[in-house]
Amino acid sequence: MNIVRRVYSVSEITRNIKDTLEVNFSGIWVQGEISNLTESSAGHIYFTLKDKDSQLKTVLFKNKTYLQKVPLRSGLNIICFGYISVYEKRGEYQLYVEFVEEVGTGALWLEFERLKQKLEDEGLFSEKRKKPLPMLPRCIGVITSPTGAAIRDILSIIKRRFRNLEVLIYPVLVQGKEAPSQIVEALQYMNKQPIDILIVGRGGGSIEDLWAFNEEIVARAISCSRIPVISGIGHETDFTISDFVADVRAPTPTAAAELVVKLKETFQERLDTLSIRLISKMKNMVSENSARLKRLQESVVFIHPYRKLAEARQQVDEEVKKLKFLIHHFYTVSLNRIQRLKGKLDSLNPMKVLSRGYSITYKLPDGEIVRDVSSVASGDDVKVKVYRGEMINKVIKISP
């Protein structure tokens, strides 16, 4: 017995679903709260319409925007008129909007504005209480998800700019009910460690995804931190309560790492600039005092010319002594400052340590630094970096 079976292509199935949706869900009104609103370069507006249980992808094409009297924004509660169809290329169903009416501001948005106003009234956003960032941090704390792209970006920036900086990571959930308490616990723990600066962050997401950083307990924990805090939460257009409370707000986690760890070349340029300013200042002082000396010589009154001339010469000698002292003092202080800065840079250079006979051992193939013999076993391959060059060795024997 031959069984005839009908095999559909993906396109046929998608097209049939599209036709079914357009027939059954045409000319409908849908109410929800706007989230993840973006506008394309062509002027089309894309957002998610959601309630407490579900969400629906939505698009408003540019040729319909002129009908809208409501300026759309995330958090706005609206009623949309349109139809449901399928975007065949991705096989996704979505609401195609013809017209929008405003219902009111969404609950999350109202809560955000309420808490923002409350903390602002308490002075938690004041610039006066914000702490300056250290110029050369020795240890950086990072509070974020251990599996997200944010931690990879942060570590990549730090490794590229200053490989020998110590980084302490406290892994936390960055969204969900348990996230706020974990972030607060991490902030409290980090403030007991010898850390110079803290990065608190995560990648982008909807207002719901970022909500842990809008919780009051997180904002107050950041405000109580003795360590300067940089917030690097979401994308450039995302703002959370934590951003307003933090000492510095970075538009992204990557930008946060760039703020913490400046390029070595930046410090060298700063030293060069100070040297140039020092030389210029000394030249100006010599020029000004030479002009003053000339004026003194020309201002002698000729009632008693010899007496006045002798008096002027004595004044000149005193001024020259003062000038020499000031120039020497200014030069010594500035030179000492430059030497201290250069010494600080040199102390951070790992090659200085290697030149004294030390070496760094990496476990192969992952390149992890070996700090304890318990992390390697007999037969493992290791790479040993010395002052000039590297060696690949095999572990023969381990002595604790």
Protein backbone atom coordinates (compact mmCIF):
# COMPACT_ATOMS: atom_id res chain seq x y z
CA MET A 1 0.00 0.00 0.00
CA ASN A 2 1.49 3.32 -1.08
CA ILE A 3 1.07 6.20 1.36
CA VAL A 4 1.09 9.61 -0.27
CA ARG A 5 2.62 12.15 2.01
CA ARG A 6 2.59 15.91 1.58
CA VAL A 7 5.97 17.54 2.30
CA TYR A 8 5.92 21.29 2.87
CA SER A 9 8.83 23.62 2.43
CA VAL A 10 9.69 26.07 5.20
CA SER A 11 8.51 28.93 3.00
CA GLU A 12 5.13 27.27 2.40
CA ILE A 13 4.54 26.69 6.10
CA THR A 14 5.56 30.24 6.94
CA ARG A 15 3.33 31.66 4.21
CA ASN A 16 0.33 29.63 5.34
CA ILE A 17 0.80 30.77 8.95
CA LYS A 18 1.12 34.35 7.74
CA ASP A 19 -2.14 34.10 5.75
CA THR A 20 -3.94 32.55 8.73
CA LEU A 21 -2.79 35.27 11.12
CA GLU A 22 -3.64 38.11 8.75
CA VAL A 23 -7.18 36.70 8.23
CA ASN A 24 -7.90 36.11 11.90
CA PHE A 25 -5.99 39.01 13.50
CA SER A 26 -6.66 41.96 11.22
CA GLY A 27 -7.99 45.29 12.50
CA ILE A 28 -7.31 44.50 16.18
CA TRP A 29 -6.56 46.66 19.22
CA VAL A 30 -3.74 45.56 21.54
CA GLN A 31 -2.81 47.18 24.88
CA GLY A 32 0.63 46.93 26.49
CA GLU A 33 3.72 48.72 27.74
CA ILE A 34 6.51 49.80 25.38
CA SER A 35 9.94 48.23 25.91
CA ASN A 36 13.19 48.06 23.88
CA LEU A 37 12.19 50.92 21.58
CA THR A 38 14.59 51.60 18.69
CA GLU A 39 14.40 53.62 15.48
CA SER A 40 16.13 52.50 12.28
CA SER A 41 18.06 54.83 9.99
CA ALA A 42 15.09 54.62 7.59
CA GLY A 43 12.76 56.00 10.26
CA HIS A 44 10.90 52.78 11.11
CA ILE A 45 10.19 52.26 14.83
CA TYR A 46 10.61 48.83 16.45
CA PHE A 47 9.60 47.98 20.01
CA THR A 48 8.20 45.24 22.24
CA LEU A 49 4.64 45.48 23.54
CA LYS A 50 4.37 43.65 26.87
CA ASP A 51 2.25 42.99 29.91
CA LYS A 52 3.16 41.11 33.10
CA ASP A 53 2.98 37.66 31.42
CA SER A 54 3.87 38.02 27.73
CA GLN A 55 5.45 40.20 25.09
CA LEU A 56 4.80 40.90 21.41
CA LYS A 57 7.23 42.25 18.81
CA THR A 58 5.84 45.37 17.17
CA VAL A 59 6.75 47.58 14.22
CA LEU A 60 5.54 51.04 13.19
CA PHE A 61 6.66 51.93 9.67
CA LYS A 62 7.73 55.47 8.81
CA ASN A 63 4.77 56.08 6.49
CA LYS A 64 2.45 55.64 9.52
CA THR A 65 4.37 57.78 12.00
CA TYR A 66 2.85 61.05 10.77
CA LEU A 67 -0.53 59.87 12.12
CA GLN A 68 0.83 59.49 15.65
CA LYS A 69 0.16 62.21 18.21
CA VAL A 70 1.87 60.27 20.99
CA PRO A 71 5.71 60.54 21.28
CA LEU A 72 6.67 56.89 21.84
CA ARG A 73 9.16 55.99 24.56
CA SER A 74 10.03 53.00 26.72
CA GLY A 75 7.69 52.60 29.68
CA LEU A 76 4.66 54.18 28.00
CA ASN A 77 1.38 52.22 28.25
CA ILE A 78 -0.40 52.36 24.89
CA ILE A 79 -3.20 50.87 22.79
CA CYS A 80 -2.19 49.93 19.22
CA PHE A 81 -4.47 49.37 16.24
CA GLY A 82 -3.15 47.10 13.49
CA TYR A 83 -2.79 43.50 12.36
CA ILE A 84 -0.71 40.42 13.15
CA SER A 85 1.51 39.00 10.40
CA VAL A 86 4.76 37.10 9.92
CA TYR A 87 8.14 38.49 8.92
CA GLU A 88 8.93 35.61 6.59
CA LYS A 89 12.71 36.06 6.49
CA ARG A 90 13.00 35.24 10.23
CA GLY A 91 9.77 33.35 10.68
CA GLU A 92 8.67 35.73 13.46
CA TYR A 93 5.15 36.95 14.01
CA GLN A 94 4.68 40.57 15.02
CA LEU A 95 2.15 43.35 15.30
CA TYR A 96 2.14 45.85 12.44
CA VAL A 97 0.82 49.12 13.90
CA GLU A 98 -1.43 51.54 12.06
CA PHE A 99 -2.34 53.86 14.93
CA VAL A 100 -1.36 54.43 18.59
CA GLU A 101 -3.26 55.83 21.58
CA GLU A 102 -1.72 56.55 24.98
CA VAL A 103 -3.15 54.85 28.07
CA GLY A 104 -0.65 55.97 30.66
CA THR A 105 2.88 55.53 31.91
CA GLY A 106 3.90 51.94 32.63
CA ALA A 107 4.32 50.72 36.18
CA LEU A 108 8.08 50.18 35.86
CA TRP A 109 8.63 53.63 34.43
CA LEU A 110 6.61 55.22 37.22
CA GLU A 111 8.62 53.32 39.85
CA PHE A 112 11.88 54.41 38.16
CA GLU A 113 10.85 58.08 38.24
CA ARG A 114 9.56 57.83 41.84
CA LEU A 115 12.80 56.34 43.18
CA LYS A 116 14.96 58.66 41.07
CA GLN A 117 13.19 61.71 42.51
CA LYS A 118 13.39 60.33 46.08
CA LEU A 119 17.15 59.67 45.96
CA GLU A 120 17.83 62.95 44.18
CA ASP A 121 15.98 64.82 46.94
CA GLU A 122 18.18 63.01 49.50
CA GLY A 123 21.30 64.26 47.71
CA LEU A 124 22.58 60.85 46.55
CA PHE A 125 23.14 62.20 43.02
CA SER A 126 25.07 65.28 44.17
CA GLU A 127 28.42 65.91 42.51
CA LYS A 128 29.84 66.96 45.90
CA ARG A 129 29.69 63.38 47.26
CA LYS A 130 31.23 61.73 44.20
CA LYS A 131 34.77 60.40 44.72
CA PRO A 132 37.59 61.00 42.18
CA LEU A 133 39.06 58.03 40.32
CA PRO A 134 42.64 56.99 41.19
CA MET A 135 45.24 57.79 38.55
CA LEU A 136 47.06 54.44 38.75
CA PRO A 137 44.94 51.75 40.46
CA ARG A 138 46.84 48.64 41.57
CA CYS A 139 43.78 46.44 42.16
CA ILE A 140 40.45 46.67 40.31
CA GLY A 141 37.22 45.08 41.54
CA VAL A 142 34.58 43.94 39.05
CA ILE A 143 31.00 43.02 39.98
CA THR A 144 29.16 41.40 37.06
CA SER A 145 28.00 38.11 35.57
CA PRO A 146 30.89 35.66 35.06
CA THR A 147 29.36 34.37 31.80
CA GLY A 148 28.34 37.57 30.01
CA ALA A 149 30.14 39.51 27.33
CA ALA A 150 30.73 42.40 29.77
CA ILE A 151 33.40 40.58 31.81
CA ARG A 152 35.22 39.45 28.66
CA ASP A 153 35.30 43.00 27.32
CA ILE A 154 36.51 44.45 30.64
CA LEU A 155 39.32 41.89 31.06
CA SER A 156 40.37 42.32 27.42
CA ILE A 157 40.79 46.08 27.84
CA ILE A 158 42.72 45.74 31.12
CA LYS A 159 45.02 43.03 29.73
CA ARG A 160 45.78 45.05 26.62
CA ARG A 161 46.60 48.25 28.50
CA PHE A 162 48.30 47.03 31.72
CA ARG A 163 48.88 43.29 31.95
CA ASN A 164 50.24 43.38 35.51
CA LEU A 165 47.19 44.98 37.16
CA GLU A 166 45.37 42.78 39.69
CA VAL A 167 41.66 42.20 39.04
CA LEU A 168 39.27 40.79 41.66
CA ILE A 169 35.97 39.51 40.21
CA TYR A 170 32.84 38.93 42.30
CA PRO A 171 30.35 36.92 40.15
CA VAL A 172 26.69 37.85 40.56
CA LEU A 173 23.36 37.50 38.80
CA VAL A 174 22.63 40.70 36.90
CA GLN A 175 18.90 40.18 36.41
CA GLY A 176 16.09 38.41 38.20
CA LYS A 177 14.73 38.49 41.77
CA GLU A 178 17.97 37.37 43.42
CA ALA A 179 20.22 39.81 41.52
CA PRO A 180 19.78 42.93 43.76
CA SER A 181 20.71 41.11 47.00
CA GLN A 182 23.74 39.48 45.32
CA ILE A 183 24.95 42.84 44.00
CA VAL A 184 24.59 44.43 47.46
CA GLU A 185 26.48 41.52 49.05
CA ALA A 186 29.24 41.90 46.44
CA LEU A 187 29.57 45.64 47.13
CA GLN A 188 29.84 45.03 50.87
CA TYR A 189 32.47 42.31 50.38
CA MET A 190 34.56 44.33 47.93
CA ASN A 191 34.64 47.29 50.33
CA LYS A 192 36.50 45.09 52.83
CA GLN A 193 39.23 44.26 50.28
CA PRO A 194 42.36 46.29 49.32
CA ILE A 195 40.75 47.51 46.10
CA ASP A 196 41.34 50.93 44.53
CA ILE A 197 38.30 51.12 42.22
CA LEU A 198 35.11 49.15 41.48
CA ILE A 199 33.31 48.48 38.19
CA VAL A 200 29.65 47.45 38.48
CA GLY A 201 28.08 46.50 35.18
CA ARG A 202 26.43 44.26 32.65
CA GLY A 203 25.53 44.24 28.96
CA GLY A 204 22.46 45.77 27.39
CA GLY A 205 18.85 44.68 27.70
CA SER A 206 15.29 45.82 28.26
CA ILE A 207 14.18 47.90 31.24
CA GLU A 208 13.14 44.62 32.88
CA ASP A 209 16.58 43.06 32.26
CA LEU A 210 18.32 46.08 33.81
CA TRP A 211 15.88 46.48 36.69
CA ALA A 212 18.21 45.01 39.34
CA PHE A 213 20.29 48.19 38.97
CA ASN A 214 17.15 50.31 39.60
CA GLU A 215 16.50 48.75 43.01
CA GLU A 216 16.82 51.06 46.03
CA ILE A 217 19.03 48.65 48.01
CA VAL A 218 21.57 48.56 45.17
CA ALA A 219 21.59 52.35 44.82
CA ARG A 220 22.16 52.83 48.56
CA ALA A 221 24.91 50.20 48.63
CA ILE A 222 26.75 52.05 45.85
CA SER A 223 26.34 55.38 47.64
CA CYS A 224 27.84 53.86 50.84
CA SER A 225 30.91 52.45 49.06
CA ARG A 226 34.22 53.81 50.37
CA ILE A 227 35.75 52.74 47.03
CA PRO A 228 35.05 54.85 43.91
CA VAL A 229 32.41 53.10 41.78
CA ILE A 230 32.09 53.23 37.98
CA SER A 231 28.78 52.00 36.57
CA GLY A 232 28.94 50.41 33.13
CA ILE A 233 25.39 49.17 32.61
CA GLY A 234 23.77 48.40 29.27
CA HIS A 235 24.26 50.41 26.12
CA GLU A 236 24.96 54.10 25.67
CA THR A 237 21.25 55.03 25.69
CA ASP A 238 20.42 52.99 28.83
CA PHE A 239 20.18 54.77 32.18
CA THR A 240 19.60 53.22 35.59
CA ILE A 241 19.37 54.56 39.14
CA SER A 242 22.80 53.06 39.78
CA ASP A 243 24.26 55.30 37.04
CA PHE A 244 23.09 58.42 38.88
CA VAL A 245 24.45 57.25 42.27
CA ALA A 246 27.82 55.96 41.01
CA ASP A 247 30.86 58.22 41.16
CA VAL A 248 31.26 57.95 37.37
CA ARG A 249 28.83 56.63 34.76
CA ALA A 250 30.32 54.89 31.72
CA PRO A 251 28.10 54.31 28.65
CA THR A 252 29.16 50.62 28.37
CA PRO A 253 31.20 48.06 30.35
CA THR A 254 34.02 48.44 27.81
CA ALA A 255 34.05 52.21 28.33
CA ALA A 256 34.18 51.61 32.11
CA ALA A 257 37.38 49.57 31.72
CA GLU A 258 38.88 52.28 29.50
CA LEU A 259 38.16 54.90 32.17
CA VAL A 260 39.84 52.80 34.87
CA VAL A 261 42.99 51.82 32.98
CA LYS A 262 44.50 54.61 30.94
CA LEU A 263 47.09 53.88 28.28
CA LYS A 264 50.74 53.90 29.34
CA GLU A 265 51.34 56.36 26.51
CA THR A 266 48.89 58.74 28.21
CA PHE A 267 51.10 58.92 31.30
CA GLN A 268 54.21 59.44 29.18
CA GLU A 269 52.48 62.27 27.31
CA ARG A 270 51.53 63.81 30.65
CA LEU A 271 55.15 63.70 31.83
CA ASP A 272 56.31 65.28 28.57
CA THR A 273 53.69 68.03 28.93
CA LEU A 274 54.81 68.78 32.50
CA SER A 275 58.42 69.02 31.36
CA ILE A 276 57.52 71.46 28.59
CA ARG A 277 55.44 73.57 30.98
CA LEU A 278 58.30 73.61 33.49
CA ILE A 279 60.81 74.84 30.93
CA SER A 280 58.34 77.44 29.61
CA LYS A 281 57.61 78.68 33.13
CA MET A 282 61.31 79.08 33.90
CA LYS A 283 61.92 80.99 30.67
CA ASN A 284 59.02 83.33 31.45
CA MET A 285 60.33 83.98 34.96
CA VAL A 286 63.80 84.82 33.63
CA SER A 287 62.33 87.07 30.93
CA GLU A 288 60.02 88.92 33.35
CA ASN A 289 62.75 89.50 35.90
CA SER A 290 65.21 90.64 33.20
CA ALA A 291 62.65 93.19 32.06
CA ARG A 292 62.12 94.28 35.66
CA LEU A 293 65.88 94.66 36.09
CA LYS A 294 66.09 96.80 33.01
CA ARG A 295 63.28 99.05 34.29
CA LEU A 296 65.08 99.46 37.60
CA GLN A 297 68.28 100.47 35.82
CA GLU A 298 66.43 103.07 33.73
CA SER A 299 64.45 104.54 36.65
CA VAL A 300 67.45 106.00 38.55
CA VAL A 301 66.78 109.60 39.66
CA PHE A 302 69.83 111.83 38.99
CA ILE A 303 69.58 114.06 42.07
CA HIS A 304 72.40 112.03 43.62
CA PRO A 305 73.31 109.80 40.67
CA TYR A 306 76.09 107.79 42.29
CA ARG A 307 74.10 107.13 45.46
CA LYS A 308 71.00 106.10 43.51
CA LEU A 309 73.07 103.93 41.22
CA ALA A 310 74.65 102.09 44.16
CA GLU A 311 71.24 101.62 45.76
CA ALA A 312 69.83 100.27 42.52
CA ARG A 313 72.74 97.87 42.13
CA GLN A 314 72.10 96.50 45.62
CA GLN A 315 68.42 96.00 44.83
CA VAL A 316 69.39 94.25 41.62
CA ASP A 317 71.69 91.89 43.53
CA GLU A 318 68.89 91.05 45.95
CA GLU A 319 66.42 90.44 43.14
CA VAL A 320 68.93 88.23 41.31
CA LYS A 321 69.42 86.16 44.49
CA LYS A 322 65.66 85.80 44.90
CA LEU A 323 65.30 84.88 41.25
CA LYS A 324 68.03 82.23 41.46
CA PHE A 325 66.47 80.76 44.59
CA LEU A 326 62.97 80.67 43.10
CA ILE A 327 64.18 79.12 39.85
CA HIS A 328 66.21 76.51 41.69
CA HIS A 329 63.34 75.70 44.08
CA PHE A 330 60.74 75.50 41.31
CA TYR A 331 63.02 73.34 39.18
CA THR A 332 63.84 70.99 42.10
CA VAL A 333 60.19 70.53 43.11
CA SER A 334 59.02 69.95 39.55
CA LEU A 335 61.91 67.59 38.78
CA ASN A 336 61.19 65.55 41.91
CA ARG A 337 57.55 65.28 40.89
CA ILE A 338 58.49 64.07 37.43
CA GLN A 339 60.94 61.54 38.89
CA ARG A 340 58.26 60.20 41.25
CA LEU A 341 55.83 59.77 38.38
CA LYS A 342 58.47 58.02 36.27
CA GLY A 343 59.40 55.79 39.19
CA LYS A 344 55.76 54.87 39.66
CA LEU A 345 55.52 53.89 36.01
CA ASP A 346 58.73 51.86 36.23
CA SER A 347 57.48 50.01 39.32
CA LEU A 348 54.45 48.86 37.32
CA ASN A 349 56.63 47.47 34.52
CA PRO A 350 56.75 43.67 34.85
CA MET A 351 59.93 43.53 32.75
CA LYS A 352 61.81 45.29 35.57
CA VAL A 353 61.03 42.36 37.84
CA LEU A 354 62.08 39.83 35.19
CA SER A 355 65.41 41.64 34.66
CA ARG A 356 66.36 40.79 38.26
CA GLY A 357 66.27 37.06 37.53
CA TYR A 358 62.61 36.34 38.16
CA SER A 359 60.39 34.53 35.67
CA ILE A 360 56.69 33.94 34.97
CA THR A 361 55.38 30.40 34.37
CA TYR A 362 52.26 29.79 32.27
CA LYS A 363 50.35 26.52 32.13
CA LEU A 364 49.84 25.32 28.58
CA PRO A 365 47.77 25.36 26.49
CA ASP A 366 45.40 27.83 28.23
CA GLY A 367 48.15 30.27 29.28
CA GLU A 368 47.01 30.48 32.93
CA ILE A 369 49.70 31.85 35.26
CA VAL A 370 51.04 29.18 37.66
CA ARG A 371 50.88 30.60 41.22
CA ASP A 372 50.84 27.26 43.08
CA VAL A 373 52.37 23.87 42.22
CA SER A 374 48.99 22.29 42.92
CA SER A 375 47.71 23.76 39.65
CA VAL A 376 50.09 21.59 37.53
CA ALA A 377 50.87 17.89 37.35
CA SER A 378 53.83 15.81 36.19
CA GLY A 379 53.94 15.67 32.43
CA ASP A 380 52.21 19.05 31.96
CA ASP A 381 53.73 21.48 29.47
CA VAL A 382 54.57 24.92 30.79
CA LYS A 383 55.96 28.10 29.25
CA VAL A 384 58.56 30.03 31.23
CA LYS A 385 59.03 33.73 30.37
CA VAL A 386 62.32 35.32 31.43
CA TYR A 387 63.73 38.78 30.84
CA ARG A 388 64.86 37.90 27.33
CA GLY A 389 62.77 35.22 25.67
CA GLU A 390 60.58 32.27 26.59
CA MET A 391 61.09 28.51 27.15
CA ILE A 392 58.71 25.59 26.77
CA ASN A 393 59.32 22.96 29.52
CA LYS A 394 57.70 19.79 30.75
CA VAL A 395 57.00 19.21 34.45
CA ILE A 396 59.15 16.24 35.60
CA LYS A 397 58.81 16.52 39.36
CA ILE A 398 56.75 18.61 41.76
CA SER A 399 57.97 19.62 45.22
CA PRO A 400 55.43 21.28 47.52
